[in-house]
Amino acid sequence: FSYVEFGLYFCYGVCLSAGRMHWMPHKKLVLALVSSL
């Protein structure tokens, strides 16, 4: 569980790097979306 729990935060960071050119230009919109979720 500990490997998975903290690993999911690590993987989220990896995903933000992978999709950086997609979310960075719309960061406020994405912030509103993740906040709503």
PDB file of all heavy atoms in Angstrom:
ATOM      1  N   PHE A   1       0.821  -1.211   0.000  1.00  0.00           N
ATOM      2  CA  PHE A   1       0.000   0.000   0.000  1.00  0.00           C
ATOM      3  C   PHE A   1       0.856   1.263   0.000  1.00  0.00           C
ATOM      4  O   PHE A   1       0.561   2.222  -0.721  1.00  0.00           O
ATOM      5  CB  PHE A   1      -0.937  -0.001   1.217  1.00  0.00           C
ATOM      6  CG  PHE A   1      -1.870   1.174   1.235  1.00  0.00           C
ATOM      7  CD1 PHE A   1      -3.043   1.156   0.505  1.00  0.00           C
ATOM      8  CD2 PHE A   1      -1.564   2.310   1.989  1.00  0.00           C
ATOM      9  CE1 PHE A   1      -3.906   2.240   0.520  1.00  0.00           C
ATOM     10  CE2 PHE A   1      -2.410   3.397   2.005  1.00  0.00           C
ATOM     11  CZ  PHE A   1      -3.597   3.366   1.270  1.00  0.00           C
ATOM     12  N   SER A   2       1.912   1.298   0.818  1.00  0.00           N
ATOM     13  CA  SER A   2       2.766   2.491   0.875  1.00  0.00           C
ATOM     14  C   SER A   2       3.425   2.766  -0.467  1.00  0.00           C
ATOM     15  O   SER A   2       3.523   3.933  -0.895  1.00  0.00           O
ATOM     16  CB  SER A   2       3.838   2.330   1.960  1.00  0.00           C
ATOM     17  OG  SER A   2       3.276   2.302   3.237  1.00  0.00           O
ATOM     18  N   TYR A   3       3.882   1.716  -1.145  1.00  0.00           N
ATOM     19  CA  TYR A   3       4.487   1.895  -2.468  1.00  0.00           C
ATOM     20  C   TYR A   3       3.477   2.468  -3.448  1.00  0.00           C
ATOM     21  O   TYR A   3       3.796   3.350  -4.252  1.00  0.00           O
ATOM     22  CB  TYR A   3       5.037   0.560  -2.986  1.00  0.00           C
ATOM     23  CG  TYR A   3       6.415   0.229  -2.469  1.00  0.00           C
ATOM     24  CD1 TYR A   3       6.604  -0.263  -1.186  1.00  0.00           C
ATOM     25  CD2 TYR A   3       7.541   0.416  -3.259  1.00  0.00           C
ATOM     26  CE1 TYR A   3       7.868  -0.567  -0.690  1.00  0.00           C
ATOM     27  CE2 TYR A   3       8.821   0.126  -2.789  1.00  0.00           C
ATOM     28  CZ  TYR A   3       8.974  -0.371  -1.499  1.00  0.00           C
ATOM     29  OH  TYR A   3      10.233  -0.650  -1.027  1.00  0.00           O
ATOM     30  N   VAL A   4       2.251   1.970  -3.376  1.00  0.00           N
ATOM     31  CA  VAL A   4       1.216   2.434  -4.298  1.00  0.00           C
ATOM     32  C   VAL A   4       0.756   3.844  -3.928  1.00  0.00           C
ATOM     33  O   VAL A   4       0.649   4.720  -4.798  1.00  0.00           O
ATOM     34  CB  VAL A   4       0.025   1.458  -4.294  1.00  0.00           C
ATOM     35  CG1 VAL A   4      -1.128   2.022  -5.132  1.00  0.00           C
ATOM     36  CG2 VAL A   4       0.449   0.101  -4.824  1.00  0.00           C
ATOM     37  N   GLU A   5       0.490   4.064  -2.646  1.00  0.00           N
ATOM     38  CA  GLU A   5      -0.038   5.362  -2.207  1.00  0.00           C
ATOM     39  C   GLU A   5       0.872   6.512  -2.637  1.00  0.00           C
ATOM     40  O   GLU A   5       0.418   7.474  -3.267  1.00  0.00           O
ATOM     41  CB  GLU A   5      -0.200   5.370  -0.685  1.00  0.00           C
ATOM     42  CG  GLU A   5      -0.714   6.689  -0.141  1.00  0.00           C
ATOM     43  CD  GLU A   5      -0.777   6.735   1.377  1.00  0.00           C
ATOM     44  OE1 GLU A   5      -0.163   5.848   2.025  1.00  0.00           O
ATOM     45  OE2 GLU A   5      -1.408   7.661   1.913  1.00  0.00           O
ATOM     46  N   PHE A   6       2.143   6.426  -2.305  1.00  0.00           N
ATOM     47  CA  PHE A   6       3.047   7.525  -2.627  1.00  0.00           C
ATOM     48  C   PHE A   6       3.491   7.466  -4.092  1.00  0.00           C
ATOM     49  O   PHE A   6       3.776   8.504  -4.695  1.00  0.00           O
ATOM     50  CB  PHE A   6       4.242   7.520  -1.684  1.00  0.00           C
ATOM     51  CG  PHE A   6       3.838   7.747  -0.255  1.00  0.00           C
ATOM     52  CD1 PHE A   6       3.811   6.700   0.657  1.00  0.00           C
ATOM     53  CD2 PHE A   6       3.446   8.995   0.178  1.00  0.00           C
ATOM     54  CE1 PHE A   6       3.417   6.905   1.972  1.00  0.00           C
ATOM     55  CE2 PHE A   6       3.049   9.210   1.483  1.00  0.00           C
ATOM     56  CZ  PHE A   6       3.023   8.161   2.383  1.00  0.00           C
ATOM     57  N   GLY A   7       3.507   6.270  -4.647  1.00  0.00           N
ATOM     58  CA  GLY A   7       3.848   6.133  -6.053  1.00  0.00           C
ATOM     59  C   GLY A   7       2.844   6.802  -6.970  1.00  0.00           C
ATOM     60  O   GLY A   7       3.193   7.299  -8.041  1.00  0.00           O
ATOM     61  N   LEU A   8       1.576   6.843  -6.555  1.00  0.00           N
ATOM     62  CA  LEU A   8       0.554   7.499  -7.374  1.00  0.00           C
ATOM     63  C   LEU A   8       0.806   9.004  -7.476  1.00  0.00           C
ATOM     64  O   LEU A   8       0.518   9.621  -8.503  1.00  0.00           O
ATOM     65  CB  LEU A   8      -0.836   7.231  -6.805  1.00  0.00           C
ATOM     66  CG  LEU A   8      -1.335   5.786  -6.956  1.00  0.00           C
ATOM     67  CD1 LEU A   8      -2.681   5.608  -6.257  1.00  0.00           C
ATOM     68  CD2 LEU A   8      -1.432   5.385  -8.417  1.00  0.00           C
ATOM     69  N   TYR A   9       1.352   9.587  -6.430  1.00  0.00           N
ATOM     70  CA  TYR A   9       1.715  11.009  -6.490  1.00  0.00           C
ATOM     71  C   TYR A   9       2.920  11.210  -7.402  1.00  0.00           C
ATOM     72  O   TYR A   9       2.982  12.181  -8.168  1.00  0.00           O
ATOM     73  CB  TYR A   9       1.993  11.539  -5.076  1.00  0.00           C
ATOM     74  CG  TYR A   9       0.725  11.772  -4.290  1.00  0.00           C
ATOM     75  CD1 TYR A   9       0.078  10.716  -3.653  1.00  0.00           C
ATOM     76  CD2 TYR A   9       0.157  13.040  -4.203  1.00  0.00           C
ATOM     77  CE1 TYR A   9      -1.102  10.918  -2.949  1.00  0.00           C
ATOM     78  CE2 TYR A   9      -1.019  13.253  -3.498  1.00  0.00           C
ATOM     79  CZ  TYR A   9      -1.645  12.181  -2.872  1.00  0.00           C
ATOM     80  OH  TYR A   9      -2.816  12.386  -2.181  1.00  0.00           O
ATOM     81  N   PHE A  10       3.869  10.304  -7.322  1.00  0.00           N
ATOM     82  CA  PHE A  10       5.023  10.345  -8.220  1.00  0.00           C
ATOM     83  C   PHE A  10       4.562  10.225  -9.678  1.00  0.00           C
ATOM     84  O   PHE A  10       4.988  11.002 -10.544  1.00  0.00           O
ATOM     85  CB  PHE A  10       5.981   9.208  -7.873  1.00  0.00           C
ATOM     86  CG  PHE A  10       7.238   9.164  -8.696  1.00  0.00           C
ATOM     87  CD1 PHE A  10       8.392   9.798  -8.261  1.00  0.00           C
ATOM     88  CD2 PHE A  10       7.277   8.476  -9.898  1.00  0.00           C
ATOM     89  CE1 PHE A  10       9.559   9.759  -9.019  1.00  0.00           C
ATOM     90  CE2 PHE A  10       8.437   8.425 -10.660  1.00  0.00           C
ATOM     91  CZ  PHE A  10       9.587   9.078 -10.226  1.00  0.00           C
ATOM     92  N   CYS A  11       3.684   9.271  -9.945  1.00  0.00           N
ATOM     93  CA  CYS A  11       3.211   9.041 -11.309  1.00  0.00           C
ATOM     94  C   CYS A  11       2.409  10.218 -11.836  1.00  0.00           C
ATOM     95  O   CYS A  11       2.445  10.521 -13.036  1.00  0.00           O
ATOM     96  CB  CYS A  11       2.380   7.764 -11.366  1.00  0.00           C
ATOM     97  SG  CYS A  11       3.343   6.250 -11.151  1.00  0.00           S
ATOM     98  N   TYR A  12       1.669  10.875 -10.963  1.00  0.00           N
ATOM     99  CA  TYR A  12       0.933  12.079 -11.359  1.00  0.00           C
ATOM    100  C   TYR A  12       1.926  13.126 -11.854  1.00  0.00           C
ATOM    101  O   TYR A  12       1.712  13.774 -12.888  1.00  0.00           O
ATOM    102  CB  TYR A  12       0.140  12.591 -10.160  1.00  0.00           C
ATOM    103  CG  TYR A  12      -0.969  13.572 -10.446  1.00  0.00           C
ATOM    104  CD1 TYR A  12      -2.161  13.493  -9.746  1.00  0.00           C
ATOM    105  CD2 TYR A  12      -0.834  14.604 -11.378  1.00  0.00           C
ATOM    106  CE1 TYR A  12      -3.193  14.392  -9.967  1.00  0.00           C
ATOM    107  CE2 TYR A  12      -1.853  15.509 -11.609  1.00  0.00           C
ATOM    108  CZ  TYR A  12      -3.030  15.407 -10.898  1.00  0.00           C
ATOM    109  OH  TYR A  12      -4.053  16.298 -11.122  1.00  0.00           O
ATOM    110  N   GLY A  13       3.023  13.296 -11.100  1.00  0.00           N
ATOM    111  CA  GLY A  13       4.047  14.239 -11.530  1.00  0.00           C
ATOM    112  C   GLY A  13       4.627  13.876 -12.883  1.00  0.00           C
ATOM    113  O   GLY A  13       4.865  14.741 -13.729  1.00  0.00           O
ATOM    114  N   VAL A  14       4.854  12.571 -13.103  1.00  0.00           N
ATOM    115  CA  VAL A  14       5.347  12.104 -14.406  1.00  0.00           C
ATOM    116  C   VAL A  14       4.359  12.467 -15.505  1.00  0.00           C
ATOM    117  O   VAL A  14       4.743  12.929 -16.589  1.00  0.00           O
ATOM    118  CB  VAL A  14       5.588  10.582 -14.373  1.00  0.00           C
ATOM    119  CG1 VAL A  14       5.918  10.058 -15.778  1.00  0.00           C
ATOM    120  CG2 VAL A  14       6.714  10.231 -13.399  1.00  0.00           C
ATOM    121  N   CYS A  15       3.081  12.275 -15.236  1.00  0.00           N
ATOM    122  CA  CYS A  15       2.047  12.588 -16.230  1.00  0.00           C
ATOM    123  C   CYS A  15       2.003  14.082 -16.542  1.00  0.00           C
ATOM    124  O   CYS A  15       1.779  14.476 -17.694  1.00  0.00           O
ATOM    125  CB  CYS A  15       0.684  12.123 -15.725  1.00  0.00           C
ATOM    126  SG  CYS A  15       0.487  10.337 -15.645  1.00  0.00           S
ATOM    127  N   LEU A  16       2.206  14.902 -15.538  1.00  0.00           N
ATOM    128  CA  LEU A  16       2.216  16.348 -15.778  1.00  0.00           C
ATOM    129  C   LEU A  16       3.397  16.750 -16.655  1.00  0.00           C
ATOM    130  O   LEU A  16       3.296  17.689 -17.448  1.00  0.00           O
ATOM    131  CB  LEU A  16       2.263  17.095 -14.440  1.00  0.00           C
ATOM    132  CG  LEU A  16       0.976  17.041 -13.625  1.00  0.00           C
ATOM    133  CD1 LEU A  16       1.183  17.670 -12.245  1.00  0.00           C
ATOM    134  CD2 LEU A  16      -0.162  17.733 -14.347  1.00  0.00           C
ATOM    135  N   SER A  17       4.494  16.042 -16.524  1.00  0.00           N
ATOM    136  CA  SER A  17       5.622  16.275 -17.428  1.00  0.00           C
ATOM    137  C   SER A  17       5.287  15.812 -18.843  1.00  0.00           C
ATOM    138  O   SER A  17       5.543  16.528 -19.813  1.00  0.00           O
ATOM    139  CB  SER A  17       6.863  15.531 -16.914  1.00  0.00           C
ATOM    140  OG  SER A  17       7.908  15.571 -17.864  1.00  0.00           O
ATOM    141  N   ALA A  18       4.687  14.633 -18.950  1.00  0.00           N
ATOM    142  CA  ALA A  18       4.358  14.081 -20.269  1.00  0.00           C
ATOM    143  C   ALA A  18       3.383  14.969 -21.031  1.00  0.00           C
ATOM    144  O   ALA A  18       3.487  15.129 -22.252  1.00  0.00           O
ATOM    145  CB  ALA A  18       3.776  12.677 -20.102  1.00  0.00           C
ATOM    146  N   GLY A  19       2.430  15.552 -20.320  1.00  0.00           N
ATOM    147  CA  GLY A  19       1.412  16.366 -20.989  1.00  0.00           C
ATOM    148  C   GLY A  19       1.611  17.853 -20.824  1.00  0.00           C
ATOM    149  O   GLY A  19       0.669  18.633 -21.017  1.00  0.00           O
ATOM    150  N   ARG A  20       2.816  18.250 -20.508  1.00  0.00           N
ATOM    151  CA  ARG A  20       3.076  19.647 -20.164  1.00  0.00           C
ATOM    152  C   ARG A  20       2.659  20.623 -21.255  1.00  0.00           C
ATOM    153  O   ARG A  20       2.060  21.662 -20.966  1.00  0.00           O
ATOM    154  CB  ARG A  20       4.553  19.820 -19.844  1.00  0.00           C
ATOM    155  CG  ARG A  20       4.927  21.231 -19.445  1.00  0.00           C
ATOM    156  CD  ARG A  20       6.335  21.291 -18.916  1.00  0.00           C
ATOM    157  NE  ARG A  20       6.706  22.664 -18.593  1.00  0.00           N
ATOM    158  CZ  ARG A  20       7.757  23.003 -17.876  1.00  0.00           C
ATOM    159  NH1 ARG A  20       8.541  22.073 -17.411  1.00  0.00           N
ATOM    160  NH2 ARG A  20       8.034  24.264 -17.631  1.00  0.00           N
ATOM    161  N   MET A  21       2.947  20.336 -22.494  1.00  0.00           N
ATOM    162  CA  MET A  21       2.621  21.293 -23.549  1.00  0.00           C
ATOM    163  C   MET A  21       1.127  21.395 -23.779  1.00  0.00           C
ATOM    164  O   MET A  21       0.653  22.328 -24.448  1.00  0.00           O
ATOM    165  CB  MET A  21       3.343  20.941 -24.844  1.00  0.00           C
ATOM    166  CG  MET A  21       2.866  19.713 -25.570  1.00  0.00           C
ATOM    167  SD  MET A  21       3.667  19.530 -27.186  1.00  0.00           S
ATOM    168  CE  MET A  21       3.062  20.981 -28.044  1.00  0.00           C
ATOM    169  N   HIS A  22       0.350  20.442 -23.198  1.00  0.00           N
ATOM    170  CA  HIS A  22      -1.100  20.490 -23.353  1.00  0.00           C
ATOM    171  C   HIS A  22      -1.776  21.254 -22.215  1.00  0.00           C
ATOM    172  O   HIS A  22      -2.718  22.006 -22.440  1.00  0.00           O
ATOM    173  CB  HIS A  22      -1.661  19.065 -23.422  1.00  0.00           C
ATOM    174  CG  HIS A  22      -1.105  18.263 -24.553  1.00  0.00           C
ATOM    175  ND1 HIS A  22      -1.347  18.559 -25.876  1.00  0.00           N
ATOM    176  CD2 HIS A  22      -0.294  17.169 -24.561  1.00  0.00           C
ATOM    177  CE1 HIS A  22      -0.716  17.695 -26.657  1.00  0.00           C
ATOM    178  NE2 HIS A  22      -0.066  16.835 -25.873  1.00  0.00           N
ATOM    179  N   TRP A  23      -1.296  21.060 -20.956  1.00  0.00           N
ATOM    180  CA  TRP A  23      -1.976  21.716 -19.839  1.00  0.00           C
ATOM    181  C   TRP A  23      -1.403  23.082 -19.495  1.00  0.00           C
ATOM    182  O   TRP A  23      -2.125  23.954 -19.013  1.00  0.00           O
ATOM    183  CB  TRP A  23      -1.982  20.828 -18.587  1.00  0.00           C
ATOM    184  CG  TRP A  23      -0.652  20.535 -17.952  1.00  0.00           C
ATOM    185  CD1 TRP A  23       0.132  19.443 -18.144  1.00  0.00           C
ATOM    186  CD2 TRP A  23       0.040  21.354 -16.986  1.00  0.00           C
ATOM    187  NE1 TRP A  23       1.276  19.524 -17.382  1.00  0.00           N
ATOM    188  CE2 TRP A  23       1.238  20.670 -16.650  1.00  0.00           C
ATOM    189  CE3 TRP A  23      -0.241  22.577 -16.364  1.00  0.00           C
ATOM    190  CZ2 TRP A  23       2.158  21.190 -15.735  1.00  0.00           C
ATOM    191  CZ3 TRP A  23       0.671  23.097 -15.451  1.00  0.00           C
ATOM    192  CH2 TRP A  23       1.860  22.398 -15.149  1.00  0.00           C
ATOM    193  N   MET A  24      -0.120  23.310 -19.763  1.00  0.00           N
ATOM    194  CA  MET A  24       0.496  24.582 -19.393  1.00  0.00           C
ATOM    195  C   MET A  24      -0.196  25.802 -20.031  1.00  0.00           C
ATOM    196  O   MET A  24      -0.411  26.812 -19.350  1.00  0.00           O
ATOM    197  CB  MET A  24       1.982  24.578 -19.757  1.00  0.00           C
ATOM    198  CG  MET A  24       2.898  24.128 -18.625  1.00  0.00           C
ATOM    199  SD  MET A  24       3.032  25.404 -17.362  1.00  0.00           S
ATOM    200  CE  MET A  24       4.370  24.761 -16.387  1.00  0.00           C
ATOM    201  N   PRO A  25      -0.578  25.742 -21.307  1.00  0.00           N
ATOM    202  CA  PRO A  25      -1.242  26.920 -21.891  1.00  0.00           C
ATOM    203  C   PRO A  25      -2.638  27.165 -21.322  1.00  0.00           C
ATOM    204  O   PRO A  25      -3.217  28.235 -21.520  1.00  0.00           O
ATOM    205  CB  PRO A  25      -1.310  26.573 -23.383  1.00  0.00           C
ATOM    206  CG  PRO A  25      -0.284  25.510 -23.589  1.00  0.00           C
ATOM    207  CD  PRO A  25      -0.267  24.735 -22.318  1.00  0.00           C
ATOM    208  N   HIS A  26      -3.193  26.157 -20.632  1.00  0.00           N
ATOM    209  CA  HIS A  26      -4.557  26.268 -20.106  1.00  0.00           C
ATOM    210  C   HIS A  26      -4.572  25.964 -18.609  1.00  0.00           C
ATOM    211  O   HIS A  26      -5.503  25.344 -18.106  1.00  0.00           O
ATOM    212  CB  HIS A  26      -5.473  25.290 -20.850  1.00  0.00           C
ATOM    213  CG  HIS A  26      -5.325  25.312 -22.333  1.00  0.00           C
ATOM    214  ND1 HIS A  26      -5.777  26.361 -23.118  1.00  0.00           N
ATOM    215  CD2 HIS A  26      -4.738  24.419 -23.190  1.00  0.00           C
ATOM    216  CE1 HIS A  26      -5.495  26.116 -24.385  1.00  0.00           C
ATOM    217  NE2 HIS A  26      -4.858  24.950 -24.457  1.00  0.00           N
ATOM    218  N   LYS A  27      -3.555  26.408 -17.897  1.00  0.00           N
ATOM    219  CA  LYS A  27      -3.380  25.970 -16.525  1.00  0.00           C
ATOM    220  C   LYS A  27      -4.514  26.401 -15.589  1.00  0.00           C
ATOM    221  O   LYS A  27      -4.872  25.662 -14.665  1.00  0.00           O
ATOM    222  CB  LYS A  27      -2.029  26.439 -15.989  1.00  0.00           C
ATOM    223  CG  LYS A  27      -1.693  27.890 -16.190  1.00  0.00           C
ATOM    224  CD  LYS A  27      -0.220  28.129 -15.882  1.00  0.00           C
ATOM    225  CE  LYS A  27       0.186  29.558 -16.193  1.00  0.00           C
ATOM    226  NZ  LYS A  27       1.640  29.751 -15.988  1.00  0.00           N
ATOM    227  N   LYS A  28      -5.092  27.578 -15.810  1.00  0.00           N
ATOM    228  CA  LYS A  28      -6.203  28.006 -14.957  1.00  0.00           C
ATOM    229  C   LYS A  28      -7.447  27.161 -15.198  1.00  0.00           C
ATOM    230  O   LYS A  28      -8.174  26.805 -14.259  1.00  0.00           O
ATOM    231  CB  LYS A  28      -6.514  29.483 -15.195  1.00  0.00           C
ATOM    232  CG  LYS A  28      -5.420  30.415 -14.702  1.00  0.00           C
ATOM    233  CD  LYS A  28      -5.803  31.877 -14.889  1.00  0.00           C
ATOM    234  CE  LYS A  28      -4.700  32.795 -14.361  1.00  0.00           C
ATOM    235  NZ  LYS A  28      -5.047  34.240 -14.559  1.00  0.00           N
ATOM    236  N   LEU A  29      -7.702  26.835 -16.460  1.00  0.00           N
ATOM    237  CA  LEU A  29      -8.837  25.986 -16.787  1.00  0.00           C
ATOM    238  C   LEU A  29      -8.663  24.591 -16.193  1.00  0.00           C
ATOM    239  O   LEU A  29      -9.602  24.013 -15.629  1.00  0.00           O
ATOM    240  CB  LEU A  29      -8.994  25.888 -18.311  1.00  0.00           C
ATOM    241  CG  LEU A  29     -10.120  24.982 -18.826  1.00  0.00           C
ATOM    242  CD1 LEU A  29     -11.470  25.500 -18.353  1.00  0.00           C
ATOM    243  CD2 LEU A  29     -10.070  24.906 -20.352  1.00  0.00           C
ATOM    244  N   VAL A  30      -7.443  24.058 -16.290  1.00  0.00           N
ATOM    245  CA  VAL A  30      -7.169  22.734 -15.731  1.00  0.00           C
ATOM    246  C   VAL A  30      -7.273  22.770 -14.199  1.00  0.00           C
ATOM    247  O   VAL A  30      -7.789  21.830 -13.584  1.00  0.00           O
ATOM    248  CB  VAL A  30      -5.773  22.240 -16.166  1.00  0.00           C
ATOM    249  CG1 VAL A  30      -5.446  20.905 -15.516  1.00  0.00           C
ATOM    250  CG2 VAL A  30      -5.712  22.109 -17.685  1.00  0.00           C
ATOM    251  N   LEU A  31      -6.834  23.859 -13.592  1.00  0.00           N
ATOM    252  CA  LEU A  31      -6.968  23.998 -12.141  1.00  0.00           C
ATOM    253  C   LEU A  31      -8.433  23.968 -11.727  1.00  0.00           C
ATOM    254  O   LEU A  31      -8.801  23.313 -10.730  1.00  0.00           O
ATOM    255  CB  LEU A  31      -6.315  25.296 -11.673  1.00  0.00           C
ATOM    256  CG  LEU A  31      -6.411  25.587 -10.171  1.00  0.00           C
ATOM    257  CD1 LEU A  31      -5.705  24.499  -9.359  1.00  0.00           C
ATOM    258  CD2 LEU A  31      -5.816  26.966  -9.849  1.00  0.00           C
ATOM    259  N   ALA A  32      -9.272  24.658 -12.479  1.00  0.00           N
ATOM    260  CA  ALA A  32     -10.711  24.647 -12.182  1.00  0.00           C
ATOM    261  C   ALA A  32     -11.274  23.238 -12.333  1.00  0.00           C
ATOM    262  O   ALA A  32     -12.111  22.803 -11.533  1.00  0.00           O
ATOM    263  CB  ALA A  32     -11.440  25.619 -13.107  1.00  0.00           C
ATOM    264  N   LEU A  33     -10.798  22.505 -13.345  1.00  0.00           N
ATOM    265  CA  LEU A  33     -11.286  21.147 -13.586  1.00  0.00           C
ATOM    266  C   LEU A  33     -10.890  20.204 -12.461  1.00  0.00           C
ATOM    267  O   LEU A  33     -11.737  19.470 -11.929  1.00  0.00           O
ATOM    268  CB  LEU A  33     -10.738  20.634 -14.924  1.00  0.00           C
ATOM    269  CG  LEU A  33     -11.076  19.183 -15.272  1.00  0.00           C
ATOM    270  CD1 LEU A  33     -12.589  18.982 -15.380  1.00  0.00           C
ATOM    271  CD2 LEU A  33     -10.388  18.776 -16.583  1.00  0.00           C
ATOM    272  N   VAL A  34      -9.618  20.209 -12.068  1.00  0.00           N
ATOM    273  CA  VAL A  34      -9.181  19.289 -11.012  1.00  0.00           C
ATOM    274  C   VAL A  34      -9.804  19.677  -9.670  1.00  0.00           C
ATOM    275  O   VAL A  34     -10.090  18.810  -8.834  1.00  0.00           O
ATOM    276  CB  VAL A  34      -7.637  19.211 -10.911  1.00  0.00           C
ATOM    277  CG1 VAL A  34      -7.034  18.671 -12.201  1.00  0.00           C
ATOM    278  CG2 VAL A  34      -7.023  20.543 -10.536  1.00  0.00           C
ATOM    279  N   SER A  35     -10.027  20.971  -9.461  1.00  0.00           N
ATOM    280  CA  SER A  35     -10.686  21.407  -8.229  1.00  0.00           C
ATOM    281  C   SER A  35     -12.116  20.887  -8.178  1.00  0.00           C
ATOM    282  O   SER A  35     -12.593  20.419  -7.133  1.00  0.00           O
ATOM    283  CB  SER A  35     -10.684  22.937  -8.123  1.00  0.00           C
ATOM    284  OG  SER A  35      -9.371  23.437  -8.088  1.00  0.00           O
ATOM    285  N   SER A  36     -12.802  20.964  -9.307  1.00  0.00           N
ATOM    286  CA  SER A  36     -14.180  20.469  -9.382  1.00  0.00           C
ATOM    287  C   SER A  36     -14.231  18.968  -9.145  1.00  0.00           C
ATOM    288  O   SER A  36     -15.100  18.470  -8.416  1.00  0.00           O
ATOM    289  CB  SER A  36     -14.781  20.814 -10.748  1.00  0.00           C
ATOM    290  OG  SER A  36     -14.807  22.207 -10.954  1.00  0.00           O
ATOM    291  N   LEU A  37     -13.307  18.241  -9.751  1.00  0.00           N
ATOM    292  CA  LEU A  37     -13.256  16.795  -9.542  1.00  0.00           C
ATOM    293  C   LEU A  37     -12.968  16.462  -8.076  1.00  0.00           C
ATOM    294  O   LEU A  37     -13.560  15.530  -7.515  1.00  0.00           O
ATOM    295  CB  LEU A  37     -12.183  16.173 -10.435  1.00  0.00           C
ATOM    296  CG  LEU A  37     -12.517  16.029 -11.917  1.00  0.00           C
ATOM    297  CD1 LEU A  37     -11.288  15.595 -12.705  1.00  0.00           C
ATOM    298  CD2 LEU A  37     -13.650  15.021 -12.112  1.00  0.00           C
TER     299      LEU A  37
END
